[in-house]
Amino acid sequence: MPATPDATGGEYVALFTFDDSGALLRADIDSLGPRADLDRQRAADAYESRLESLDGPIFGDIRVAPFRIEHEGVEFGLIASDPDDPAQTPWVTLEPGNYMAFSPPWDGEYDT
């Protein structure tokens, strides 16, 4: 079972790449340490470096499959809920941090 980050939280830059069918190919994750000690320049540099590694990203709509990985004891991914009650709405949350959540009709809209 992955560890739960403590209240101070950790900061990360994560780049997830997918194949043409939407399956996860790889996860490149930079661990930036505790939130309280965040070096904003280091974070910005990591972010820019990951974007530059894409060799000209194209921004637009995509379809990807839920996935779950562990990095340094922390769970990352687009993690699907599995409601016991069929009347409950299924969700897919971007972790860690549960800061984006997607639900039907799966049209790109999300909650924060």
PDB file of N, CA and C in Angstrom:
ATOM      1  N   MET A   1       0.844  -1.170   0.000  1.00  0.00           N
ATOM      2  CA  MET A   1       0.000   0.000   0.000  1.00  0.00           C
ATOM      3  C   MET A   1       0.891   1.235   0.000  1.00  0.00           C
ATOM      4  N   PRO A   2       0.676   2.166  -0.938  1.00  0.00           N
ATOM      5  CA  PRO A   2       1.517   3.355  -0.995  1.00  0.00           C
ATOM      6  C   PRO A   2       1.363   4.211   0.268  1.00  0.00           C
ATOM      7  N   ALA A   3       2.438   4.898   0.600  1.00  0.00           N
ATOM      8  CA  ALA A   3       2.405   5.802   1.748  1.00  0.00           C
ATOM      9  C   ALA A   3       1.546   7.011   1.427  1.00  0.00           C
ATOM     10  N   THR A   4       0.952   7.567   2.461  1.00  0.00           N
ATOM     11  CA  THR A   4       0.174   8.792   2.309  1.00  0.00           C
ATOM     12  C   THR A   4       1.078   9.960   2.660  1.00  0.00           C
ATOM     13  N   PRO A   5       1.184  10.974   1.768  1.00  0.00           N
ATOM     14  CA  PRO A   5       2.031  12.119   2.099  1.00  0.00           C
ATOM     15  C   PRO A   5       1.507  12.792   3.365  1.00  0.00           C
ATOM     16  N   ASP A   6       2.433  13.332   4.185  1.00  0.00           N
ATOM     17  CA  ASP A   6       1.982  14.007   5.401  1.00  0.00           C
ATOM     18  C   ASP A   6       1.378  15.362   5.055  1.00  0.00           C
ATOM     19  N   ALA A   7       0.939  16.087   6.070  1.00  0.00           N
ATOM     20  CA  ALA A   7       0.216  17.341   5.865  1.00  0.00           C
ATOM     21  C   ALA A   7       1.048  18.387   5.138  1.00  0.00           C
ATOM     22  N   THR A   8       2.373  18.291   5.214  1.00  0.00           N
ATOM     23  CA  THR A   8       3.196  19.277   4.519  1.00  0.00           C
ATOM     24  C   THR A   8       3.218  19.003   3.028  1.00  0.00           C
ATOM     25  N   GLY A   9       2.937  17.788   2.635  1.00  0.00           N
ATOM     26  CA  GLY A   9       2.866  17.427   1.219  1.00  0.00           C
ATOM     27  C   GLY A   9       4.213  17.439   0.540  1.00  0.00           C
ATOM     28  N   GLY A  10       4.254  16.786  -0.581  1.00  0.00           N
ATOM     29  CA  GLY A  10       5.439  16.789  -1.425  1.00  0.00           C
ATOM     30  C   GLY A  10       5.083  17.464  -2.731  1.00  0.00           C
ATOM     31  N   GLU A  11       6.078  17.978  -3.406  1.00  0.00           N
ATOM     32  CA  GLU A  11       5.867  18.618  -4.701  1.00  0.00           C
ATOM     33  C   GLU A  11       6.560  17.794  -5.776  1.00  0.00           C
ATOM     34  N   TYR A  12       5.895  17.697  -6.938  1.00  0.00           N
ATOM     35  CA  TYR A  12       6.393  16.884  -8.039  1.00  0.00           C
ATOM     36  C   TYR A  12       6.101  17.576  -9.362  1.00  0.00           C
ATOM     37  N   VAL A  13       6.912  17.251 -10.352  1.00  0.00           N
ATOM     38  CA  VAL A  13       6.587  17.536 -11.739  1.00  0.00           C
ATOM     39  C   VAL A  13       6.516  16.170 -12.402  1.00  0.00           C
ATOM     40  N   ALA A  14       5.383  15.879 -13.035  1.00  0.00           N
ATOM     41  CA  ALA A  14       5.195  14.563 -13.640  1.00  0.00           C
ATOM     42  C   ALA A  14       4.804  14.714 -15.099  1.00  0.00           C
ATOM     43  N   LEU A  15       5.433  13.927 -15.937  1.00  0.00           N
ATOM     44  CA  LEU A  15       5.094  13.861 -17.356  1.00  0.00           C
ATOM     45  C   LEU A  15       4.676  12.426 -17.652  1.00  0.00           C
ATOM     46  N   PHE A  16       3.428  12.264 -18.054  1.00  0.00           N
ATOM     47  CA  PHE A  16       2.910  10.955 -18.426  1.00  0.00           C
ATOM     48  C   PHE A  16       2.782  10.927 -19.939  1.00  0.00           C
ATOM     49  N   THR A  17       3.313   9.886 -20.571  1.00  0.00           N
ATOM     50  CA  THR A  17       3.171   9.739 -22.020  1.00  0.00           C
ATOM     51  C   THR A  17       2.392   8.460 -22.306  1.00  0.00           C
ATOM     52  N   PHE A  18       1.610   8.530 -23.378  1.00  0.00           N
ATOM     53  CA  PHE A  18       0.676   7.459 -23.721  1.00  0.00           C
ATOM     54  C   PHE A  18       0.891   7.026 -25.163  1.00  0.00           C
ATOM     55  N   ASP A  19       0.509   5.774 -25.462  1.00  0.00           N
ATOM     56  CA  ASP A  19       0.560   5.314 -26.846  1.00  0.00           C
ATOM     57  C   ASP A  19      -0.697   5.783 -27.582  1.00  0.00           C
ATOM     58  N   ASP A  20      -0.792   5.454 -28.854  1.00  0.00           N
ATOM     59  CA  ASP A  20      -1.917   5.921 -29.674  1.00  0.00           C
ATOM     60  C   ASP A  20      -3.270   5.412 -29.200  1.00  0.00           C
ATOM     61  N   SER A  21      -3.274   4.297 -28.448  1.00  0.00           N
ATOM     62  CA  SER A  21      -4.545   3.770 -27.947  1.00  0.00           C
ATOM     63  C   SER A  21      -4.900   4.329 -26.572  1.00  0.00           C
ATOM     64  N   GLY A  22      -4.030   5.174 -25.991  1.00  0.00           N
ATOM     65  CA  GLY A  22      -4.310   5.791 -24.704  1.00  0.00           C
ATOM     66  C   GLY A  22      -3.750   5.059 -23.502  1.00  0.00           C
ATOM     67  N   ALA A  23      -2.934   4.020 -23.737  1.00  0.00           N
ATOM     68  CA  ALA A  23      -2.313   3.287 -22.629  1.00  0.00           C
ATOM     69  C   ALA A  23      -1.031   3.999 -22.192  1.00  0.00           C
ATOM     70  N   LEU A  24      -0.774   4.008 -20.900  1.00  0.00           N
ATOM     71  CA  LEU A  24       0.426   4.641 -20.366  1.00  0.00           C
ATOM     72  C   LEU A  24       1.676   3.967 -20.918  1.00  0.00           C
ATOM     73  N   LEU A  25       2.575   4.770 -21.491  1.00  0.00           N
ATOM     74  CA  LEU A  25       3.872   4.271 -21.943  1.00  0.00           C
ATOM     75  C   LEU A  25       4.923   4.433 -20.855  1.00  0.00           C
ATOM     76  N   ARG A  26       4.951   5.637 -20.258  1.00  0.00           N
ATOM     77  CA  ARG A  26       5.947   5.903 -19.235  1.00  0.00           C
ATOM     78  C   ARG A  26       5.529   7.077 -18.373  1.00  0.00           C
ATOM     79  N   ALA A  27       6.103   7.113 -17.187  1.00  0.00           N
ATOM     80  CA  ALA A  27       5.891   8.213 -16.246  1.00  0.00           C
ATOM     81  C   ALA A  27       7.261   8.722 -15.829  1.00  0.00           C
ATOM     82  N   ASP A  28       7.524   9.973 -16.097  1.00  0.00           N
ATOM     83  CA  ASP A  28       8.772  10.612 -15.678  1.00  0.00           C
ATOM     84  C   ASP A  28       8.412  11.603 -14.576  1.00  0.00           C
ATOM     85  N   ILE A  29       8.928  11.370 -13.374  1.00  0.00           N
ATOM     86  CA  ILE A  29       8.522  12.151 -12.215  1.00  0.00           C
ATOM     87  C   ILE A  29       9.747  12.751 -11.543  1.00  0.00           C
ATOM     88  N   ASP A  30       9.709  14.060 -11.361  1.00  0.00           N
ATOM     89  CA  ASP A  30      10.747  14.770 -10.622  1.00  0.00           C
ATOM     90  C   ASP A  30      10.221  15.036  -9.220  1.00  0.00           C
ATOM     91  N   SER A  31      10.919  14.555  -8.211  1.00  0.00           N
ATOM     92  CA  SER A  31      10.552  14.809  -6.820  1.00  0.00           C
ATOM     93  C   SER A  31      11.252  16.092  -6.385  1.00  0.00           C
ATOM     94  N   LEU A  32      10.464  17.054  -5.920  1.00  0.00           N
ATOM     95  CA  LEU A  32      11.006  18.365  -5.569  1.00  0.00           C
ATOM     96  C   LEU A  32      11.069  18.598  -4.066  1.00  0.00           C
ATOM     97  N   GLY A  33      10.738  17.590  -3.276  1.00  0.00           N
ATOM     98  CA  GLY A  33      10.839  17.704  -1.833  1.00  0.00           C
ATOM     99  C   GLY A  33       9.570  18.230  -1.188  1.00  0.00           C
ATOM    100  N   PRO A  34       9.650  18.497   0.099  1.00  0.00           N
ATOM    101  CA  PRO A  34       8.474  18.971   0.839  1.00  0.00           C
ATOM    102  C   PRO A  34       7.992  20.331   0.339  1.00  0.00           C
ATOM    103  N   ARG A  35       6.703  20.498   0.375  1.00  0.00           N
ATOM    104  CA  ARG A  35       6.078  21.750  -0.073  1.00  0.00           C
ATOM    105  C   ARG A  35       6.661  22.958   0.658  1.00  0.00           C
ATOM    106  N   ALA A  36       6.900  22.809   1.949  1.00  0.00           N
ATOM    107  CA  ALA A  36       7.401  23.931   2.749  1.00  0.00           C
ATOM    108  C   ALA A  36       8.780  24.401   2.296  1.00  0.00           C
ATOM    109  N   ASP A  37       9.548  23.510   1.642  1.00  0.00           N
ATOM    110  CA  ASP A  37      10.908  23.848   1.220  1.00  0.00           C
ATOM    111  C   ASP A  37      11.032  24.016  -0.293  1.00  0.00           C
ATOM    112  N   LEU A  38       9.915  24.177  -0.989  1.00  0.00           N
ATOM    113  CA  LEU A  38       9.931  24.201  -2.446  1.00  0.00           C
ATOM    114  C   LEU A  38      10.834  25.299  -2.999  1.00  0.00           C
ATOM    115  N   ASP A  39      11.732  24.908  -3.872  1.00  0.00           N
ATOM    116  CA  ASP A  39      12.560  25.841  -4.632  1.00  0.00           C
ATOM    117  C   ASP A  39      11.806  26.113  -5.934  1.00  0.00           C
ATOM    118  N   ARG A  40      11.167  27.261  -6.019  1.00  0.00           N
ATOM    119  CA  ARG A  40      10.308  27.573  -7.168  1.00  0.00           C
ATOM    120  C   ARG A  40      11.084  27.596  -8.485  1.00  0.00           C
ATOM    121  N   GLN A  41      12.312  28.026  -8.465  1.00  0.00           N
ATOM    122  CA  GLN A  41      13.098  28.028  -9.701  1.00  0.00           C
ATOM    123  C   GLN A  41      13.397  26.602 -10.150  1.00  0.00           C
ATOM    124  N   ARG A  42      13.736  25.742  -9.201  1.00  0.00           N
ATOM    125  CA  ARG A  42      13.975  24.328  -9.538  1.00  0.00           C
ATOM    126  C   ARG A  42      12.707  23.698 -10.113  1.00  0.00           C
ATOM    127  N   ALA A  43      11.555  24.020  -9.526  1.00  0.00           N
ATOM    128  CA  ALA A  43      10.281  23.491 -10.022  1.00  0.00           C
ATOM    129  C   ALA A  43      10.005  23.993 -11.436  1.00  0.00           C
ATOM    130  N   ALA A  44      10.210  25.280 -11.686  1.00  0.00           N
ATOM    131  CA  ALA A  44       9.983  25.849 -13.015  1.00  0.00           C
ATOM    132  C   ALA A  44      10.933  25.222 -14.034  1.00  0.00           C
ATOM    133  N   ASP A  45      12.181  25.020 -13.629  1.00  0.00           N
ATOM    134  CA  ASP A  45      13.159  24.403 -14.534  1.00  0.00           C
ATOM    135  C   ASP A  45      12.772  22.966 -14.872  1.00  0.00           C
ATOM    136  N   ALA A  46      12.314  22.206 -13.874  1.00  0.00           N
ATOM    137  CA  ALA A  46      11.892  20.820 -14.114  1.00  0.00           C
ATOM    138  C   ALA A  46      10.703  20.794 -15.063  1.00  0.00           C
ATOM    139  N   TYR A  47       9.751  21.679 -14.846  1.00  0.00           N
ATOM    140  CA  TYR A  47       8.565  21.772 -15.701  1.00  0.00           C
ATOM    141  C   TYR A  47       8.967  22.075 -17.150  1.00  0.00           C
ATOM    142  N   GLU A  48       9.797  23.087 -17.333  1.00  0.00           N
ATOM    143  CA  GLU A  48      10.236  23.468 -18.684  1.00  0.00           C
ATOM    144  C   GLU A  48      11.029  22.346 -19.339  1.00  0.00           C
ATOM    145  N   SER A  49      11.861  21.675 -18.574  1.00  0.00           N
ATOM    146  CA  SER A  49      12.654  20.573 -19.117  1.00  0.00           C
ATOM    147  C   SER A  49      11.757  19.434 -19.598  1.00  0.00           C
ATOM    148  N   ARG A  50      10.735  19.101 -18.836  1.00  0.00           N
ATOM    149  CA  ARG A  50       9.807  18.037 -19.254  1.00  0.00           C
ATOM    150  C   ARG A  50       9.045  18.442 -20.508  1.00  0.00           C
ATOM    151  N   LEU A  51       8.597  19.688 -20.591  1.00  0.00           N
ATOM    152  CA  LEU A  51       7.904  20.142 -21.801  1.00  0.00           C
ATOM    153  C   LEU A  51       8.821  20.101 -23.014  1.00  0.00           C
ATOM    154  N   GLU A  52      10.052  20.565 -22.843  1.00  0.00           N
ATOM    155  CA  GLU A  52      11.005  20.563 -23.952  1.00  0.00           C
ATOM    156  C   GLU A  52      11.312  19.151 -24.428  1.00  0.00           C
ATOM    157  N   SER A  53      11.239  18.171 -23.538  1.00  0.00           N
ATOM    158  CA  SER A  53      11.541  16.787 -23.913  1.00  0.00           C
ATOM    159  C   SER A  53      10.502  16.204 -24.863  1.00  0.00           C
ATOM    160  N   LEU A  54       9.357  16.874 -24.998  1.00  0.00           N
ATOM    161  CA  LEU A  54       8.285  16.365 -25.857  1.00  0.00           C
ATOM    162  C   LEU A  54       8.506  16.661 -27.329  1.00  0.00           C
ATOM    163  N   ASP A  55       9.489  17.475 -27.637  1.00  0.00           N
ATOM    164  CA  ASP A  55       9.792  17.772 -29.032  1.00  0.00           C
ATOM    165  C   ASP A  55       8.576  18.324 -29.770  1.00  0.00           C
ATOM    166  N   GLY A  56       8.055  19.416 -29.257  1.00  0.00           N
ATOM    167  CA  GLY A  56       6.936  20.077 -29.934  1.00  0.00           C
ATOM    168  C   GLY A  56       5.585  19.507 -29.591  1.00  0.00           C
ATOM    169  N   PRO A  57       5.147  19.634 -28.336  1.00  0.00           N
ATOM    170  CA  PRO A  57       3.830  19.086 -27.992  1.00  0.00           C
ATOM    171  C   PRO A  57       2.718  19.780 -28.761  1.00  0.00           C
ATOM    172  N   ILE A  58       1.649  19.039 -28.971  1.00  0.00           N
ATOM    173  CA  ILE A  58       0.433  19.575 -29.584  1.00  0.00           C
ATOM    174  C   ILE A  58      -0.645  19.487 -28.512  1.00  0.00           C
ATOM    175  N   PHE A  59      -1.254  20.616 -28.197  1.00  0.00           N
ATOM    176  CA  PHE A  59      -2.285  20.637 -27.173  1.00  0.00           C
ATOM    177  C   PHE A  59      -3.643  20.400 -27.818  1.00  0.00           C
ATOM    178  N   GLY A  60      -4.429  19.510 -27.237  1.00  0.00           N
ATOM    179  CA  GLY A  60      -5.754  19.208 -27.759  1.00  0.00           C
ATOM    180  C   GLY A  60      -6.404  18.107 -26.947  1.00  0.00           C
ATOM    181  N   ASP A  61      -7.555  17.665 -27.396  1.00  0.00           N
ATOM    182  CA  ASP A  61      -8.289  16.607 -26.716  1.00  0.00           C
ATOM    183  C   ASP A  61      -7.590  15.265 -26.891  1.00  0.00           C
ATOM    184  N   ILE A  62      -7.598  14.476 -25.838  1.00  0.00           N
ATOM    185  CA  ILE A  62      -7.011  13.138 -25.874  1.00  0.00           C
ATOM    186  C   ILE A  62      -7.935  12.172 -25.135  1.00  0.00           C
ATOM    187  N   ARG A  63      -7.730  10.892 -25.365  1.00  0.00           N
ATOM    188  CA  ARG A  63      -8.396   9.838 -24.605  1.00  0.00           C
ATOM    189  C   ARG A  63      -7.304   8.946 -24.053  1.00  0.00           C
ATOM    190  N   VAL A  64      -7.362   8.735 -22.737  1.00  0.00           N
ATOM    191  CA  VAL A  64      -6.374   7.876 -22.094  1.00  0.00           C
ATOM    192  C   VAL A  64      -7.082   6.926 -21.143  1.00  0.00           C
ATOM    193  N   ALA A  65      -6.436   5.806 -20.886  1.00  0.00           N
ATOM    194  CA  ALA A  65      -6.968   4.812 -19.954  1.00  0.00           C
ATOM    195  C   ALA A  65      -6.515   5.145 -18.539  1.00  0.00           C
ATOM    196  N   PRO A  66      -7.351   4.889 -17.545  1.00  0.00           N
ATOM    197  CA  PRO A  66      -6.900   5.067 -16.162  1.00  0.00           C
ATOM    198  C   PRO A  66      -5.653   4.227 -15.910  1.00  0.00           C
ATOM    199  N   PHE A  67      -4.815   4.716 -15.013  1.00  0.00           N
ATOM    200  CA  PHE A  67      -3.594   3.996 -14.644  1.00  0.00           C
ATOM    201  C   PHE A  67      -3.210   4.373 -13.226  1.00  0.00           C
ATOM    202  N   ARG A  68      -2.355   3.544 -12.646  1.00  0.00           N
ATOM    203  CA  ARG A  68      -1.918   3.743 -11.262  1.00  0.00           C
ATOM    204  C   ARG A  68      -0.481   3.255 -11.168  1.00  0.00           C
ATOM    205  N   ILE A  69       0.405   4.120 -10.660  1.00  0.00           N
ATOM    206  CA  ILE A  69       1.796   3.737 -10.421  1.00  0.00           C
ATOM    207  C   ILE A  69       2.203   4.259  -9.056  1.00  0.00           C
ATOM    208  N   GLU A  70       3.320   3.760  -8.552  1.00  0.00           N
ATOM    209  CA  GLU A  70       3.860   4.240  -7.290  1.00  0.00           C
ATOM    210  C   GLU A  70       5.247   4.805  -7.538  1.00  0.00           C
ATOM    211  N   HIS A  71       5.521   5.957  -6.941  1.00  0.00           N
ATOM    212  CA  HIS A  71       6.837   6.603  -7.021  1.00  0.00           C
ATOM    213  C   HIS A  71       7.200   7.069  -5.623  1.00  0.00           C
ATOM    214  N   GLU A  72       8.293   6.535  -5.080  1.00  0.00           N
ATOM    215  CA  GLU A  72       8.762   6.898  -3.742  1.00  0.00           C
ATOM    216  C   GLU A  72       7.661   6.757  -2.695  1.00  0.00           C
ATOM    217  N   GLY A  73       6.834   5.711  -2.826  1.00  0.00           N
ATOM    218  CA  GLY A  73       5.785   5.446  -1.853  1.00  0.00           C
ATOM    219  C   GLY A  73       4.530   6.279  -2.016  1.00  0.00           C
ATOM    220  N   VAL A  74       4.455   7.069  -3.084  1.00  0.00           N
ATOM    221  CA  VAL A  74       3.290   7.921  -3.344  1.00  0.00           C
ATOM    222  C   VAL A  74       2.596   7.408  -4.599  1.00  0.00           C
ATOM    223  N   GLU A  75       1.276   7.325  -4.545  1.00  0.00           N
ATOM    224  CA  GLU A  75       0.488   6.848  -5.676  1.00  0.00           C
ATOM    225  C   GLU A  75       0.235   7.987  -6.660  1.00  0.00           C
ATOM    226  N   PHE A  76       0.538   7.733  -7.941  1.00  0.00           N
ATOM    227  CA  PHE A  76       0.313   8.672  -9.027  1.00  0.00           C
ATOM    228  C   PHE A  76      -0.629   8.020 -10.028  1.00  0.00           C
ATOM    229  N   GLY A  77      -1.339   8.811 -10.777  1.00  0.00           N
ATOM    230  CA  GLY A  77      -2.120   8.274 -11.876  1.00  0.00           C
ATOM    231  C   GLY A  77      -3.442   8.955 -12.085  1.00  0.00           C
ATOM    232  N   LEU A  78      -4.141   8.450 -13.063  1.00  0.00           N
ATOM    233  CA  LEU A  78      -5.551   8.758 -13.302  1.00  0.00           C
ATOM    234  C   LEU A  78      -6.283   7.552 -12.734  1.00  0.00           C
ATOM    235  N   ILE A  79      -6.766   7.698 -11.515  1.00  0.00           N
ATOM    236  CA  ILE A  79      -7.246   6.553 -10.753  1.00  0.00           C
ATOM    237  C   ILE A  79      -8.773   6.534 -10.746  1.00  0.00           C
ATOM    238  N   ALA A  80      -9.314   5.420 -11.241  1.00  0.00           N
ATOM    239  CA  ALA A  80     -10.766   5.271 -11.362  1.00  0.00           C
ATOM    240  C   ALA A  80     -11.369   4.798 -10.050  1.00  0.00           C
ATOM    241  N   SER A  81     -12.493   5.422  -9.683  1.00  0.00           N
ATOM    242  CA  SER A  81     -13.258   4.936  -8.534  1.00  0.00           C
ATOM    243  C   SER A  81     -14.070   3.732  -8.993  1.00  0.00           C
ATOM    244  N   ASP A  82     -14.471   2.934  -8.063  1.00  0.00           N
ATOM    245  CA  ASP A  82     -15.292   1.774  -8.380  1.00  0.00           C
ATOM    246  C   ASP A  82     -16.485   1.790  -7.432  1.00  0.00           C
ATOM    247  N   PRO A  83     -17.501   2.638  -7.725  1.00  0.00           N
ATOM    248  CA  PRO A  83     -18.617   2.760  -6.790  1.00  0.00           C
ATOM    249  C   PRO A  83     -19.362   1.438  -6.621  1.00  0.00           C
ATOM    250  N   ASP A  84     -19.697   1.130  -5.371  1.00  0.00           N
ATOM    251  CA  ASP A  84     -20.454  -0.080  -5.065  1.00  0.00           C
ATOM    252  C   ASP A  84     -21.900   0.041  -5.541  1.00  0.00           C
ATOM    253  N   ASP A  85     -22.423   1.249  -5.482  1.00  0.00           N
ATOM    254  CA  ASP A  85     -23.812   1.512  -5.848  1.00  0.00           C
ATOM    255  C   ASP A  85     -23.849   2.017  -7.296  1.00  0.00           C
ATOM    256  N   PRO A  86     -24.551   1.319  -8.206  1.00  0.00           N
ATOM    257  CA  PRO A  86     -24.612   1.751  -9.602  1.00  0.00           C
ATOM    258  C   PRO A  86     -25.198   3.155  -9.778  1.00  0.00           C
ATOM    259  N   ALA A  87     -25.910   3.649  -8.764  1.00  0.00           N
ATOM    260  CA  ALA A  87     -26.478   4.997  -8.844  1.00  0.00           C
ATOM    261  C   ALA A  87     -25.428   6.065  -8.549  1.00  0.00           C
ATOM    262  N   GLN A  88     -24.281   5.666  -7.996  1.00  0.00           N
ATOM    263  CA  GLN A  88     -23.214   6.621  -7.720  1.00  0.00           C
ATOM    264  C   GLN A  88     -22.444   6.935  -8.998  1.00  0.00           C
ATOM    265  N   THR A  89     -21.973   8.164  -9.097  1.00  0.00           N
ATOM    266  CA  THR A  89     -21.205   8.594 -10.259  1.00  0.00           C
ATOM    267  C   THR A  89     -19.785   8.051 -10.181  1.00  0.00           C
ATOM    268  N   PRO A  90     -19.307   7.407 -11.245  1.00  0.00           N
ATOM    269  CA  PRO A  90     -17.901   7.007 -11.263  1.00  0.00           C
ATOM    270  C   PRO A  90     -17.014   8.232 -11.524  1.00  0.00           C
ATOM    271  N   TRP A  91     -15.851   8.246 -10.908  1.00  0.00           N
ATOM    272  CA  TRP A  91     -14.905   9.342 -11.065  1.00  0.00           C
ATOM    273  C   TRP A  91     -13.541   8.796 -11.426  1.00  0.00           C
ATOM    274  N   VAL A  92     -12.752   9.601 -12.116  1.00  0.00           N
ATOM    275  CA  VAL A  92     -11.335   9.343 -12.317  1.00  0.00           C
ATOM    276  C   VAL A  92     -10.614  10.570 -11.793  1.00  0.00           C
ATOM    277  N   THR A  93      -9.713  10.378 -10.816  1.00  0.00           N
ATOM    278  CA  THR A  93      -9.006  11.505 -10.217  1.00  0.00           C
ATOM    279  C   THR A  93      -7.527  11.469 -10.573  1.00  0.00           C
ATOM    280  N   LEU A  94      -6.971  12.658 -10.770  1.00  0.00           N
ATOM    281  CA  LEU A  94      -5.543  12.786 -11.023  1.00  0.00           C
ATOM    282  C   LEU A  94      -4.848  12.869  -9.673  1.00  0.00           C
ATOM    283  N   GLU A  95      -3.976  11.909  -9.422  1.00  0.00           N
ATOM    284  CA  GLU A  95      -3.275  11.815  -8.137  1.00  0.00           C
ATOM    285  C   GLU A  95      -1.771  11.933  -8.348  1.00  0.00           C
ATOM    286  N   PRO A  96      -1.036  12.419  -7.336  1.00  0.00           N
ATOM    287  CA  PRO A  96      -1.497  12.685  -5.990  1.00  0.00           C
ATOM    288  C   PRO A  96      -2.173  14.053  -5.896  1.00  0.00           C
ATOM    289  N   GLY A  97      -2.926  14.212  -4.866  1.00  0.00           N
ATOM    290  CA  GLY A  97      -3.524  15.505  -4.589  1.00  0.00           C
ATOM    291  C   GLY A  97      -4.976  15.639  -4.965  1.00  0.00           C
ATOM    292  N   ASN A  98      -5.502  14.717  -5.765  1.00  0.00           N
ATOM    293  CA  ASN A  98      -6.906  14.769  -6.150  1.00  0.00           C
ATOM    294  C   ASN A  98      -7.302  16.190  -6.559  1.00  0.00           C
ATOM    295  N   TYR A  99      -6.510  16.795  -7.453  1.00  0.00           N
ATOM    296  CA  TYR A  99      -6.798  18.178  -7.832  1.00  0.00           C
ATOM    297  C   TYR A  99      -7.549  18.306  -9.151  1.00  0.00           C
ATOM    298  N   MET A 100      -7.742  17.224  -9.851  1.00  0.00           N
ATOM    299  CA  MET A 100      -8.606  17.193 -11.030  1.00  0.00           C
ATOM    300  C   MET A 100      -9.409  15.904 -10.956  1.00  0.00           C
ATOM    301  N   ALA A 101     -10.717  15.999 -11.185  1.00  0.00           N
ATOM    302  CA  ALA A 101     -11.574  14.815 -11.148  1.00  0.00           C
ATOM    303  C   ALA A 101     -12.501  14.847 -12.360  1.00  0.00           C
ATOM    304  N   PHE A 102     -12.555  13.738 -13.060  1.00  0.00           N
ATOM    305  CA  PHE A 102     -13.349  13.610 -14.286  1.00  0.00           C
ATOM    306  C   PHE A 102     -14.500  12.641 -14.034  1.00  0.00           C
ATOM    307  N   SER A 103     -15.635  12.894 -14.683  1.00  0.00           N
ATOM    308  CA  SER A 103     -16.792  12.005 -14.555  1.00  0.00           C
ATOM    309  C   SER A 103     -17.571  12.021 -15.867  1.00  0.00           C
ATOM    310  N   PRO A 104     -18.515  11.071 -16.018  1.00  0.00           N
ATOM    311  CA  PRO A 104     -19.326  11.058 -17.234  1.00  0.00           C
ATOM    312  C   PRO A 104     -19.985  12.411 -17.462  1.00  0.00           C
ATOM    313  N   PRO A 105     -20.099  12.836 -18.696  1.00  0.00           N
ATOM    314  CA  PRO A 105     -20.040  12.083 -19.943  1.00  0.00           C
ATOM    315  C   PRO A 105     -18.648  12.003 -20.575  1.00  0.00           C
ATOM    316  N   TRP A 106     -17.567  12.189 -19.787  1.00  0.00           N
ATOM    317  CA  TRP A 106     -16.193  12.034 -20.260  1.00  0.00           C
ATOM    318  C   TRP A 106     -15.902  12.943 -21.462  1.00  0.00           C
ATOM    319  N   ASP A 107     -16.318  14.194 -21.321  1.00  0.00           N
ATOM    320  CA  ASP A 107     -16.180  15.147 -22.434  1.00  0.00           C
ATOM    321  C   ASP A 107     -15.066  16.156 -22.218  1.00  0.00           C
ATOM    322  N   GLY A 108     -14.196  15.910 -21.256  1.00  0.00           N
ATOM    323  CA  GLY A 108     -13.089  16.812 -20.990  1.00  0.00           C
ATOM    324  C   GLY A 108     -13.349  17.790 -19.862  1.00  0.00           C
ATOM    325  N   GLU A 109     -14.592  17.916 -19.443  1.00  0.00           N
ATOM    326  CA  GLU A 109     -14.897  18.774 -18.300  1.00  0.00           C
ATOM    327  C   GLU A 109     -14.378  18.091 -17.040  1.00  0.00           C
ATOM    328  N   TYR A 110     -13.954  18.889 -16.074  1.00  0.00           N
ATOM    329  CA  TYR A 110     -13.455  18.313 -14.830  1.00  0.00           C
ATOM    330  C   TYR A 110     -13.752  19.237 -13.658  1.00  0.00           C
ATOM    331  N   ASP A 111     -13.711  18.660 -12.469  1.00  0.00           N
ATOM    332  CA  ASP A 111     -13.858  19.404 -11.214  1.00  0.00           C
ATOM    333  C   ASP A 111     -12.477  19.561 -10.591  1.00  0.00           C
ATOM    334  N   THR A 112     -12.308  20.658  -9.849  1.00  0.00           N
ATOM    335  CA  THR A 112     -11.046  20.876  -9.136  1.00  0.00           C
ATOM    336  C   THR A 112     -11.303  20.977  -7.653  1.00  0.00           C
TER     337      THR A 112
END
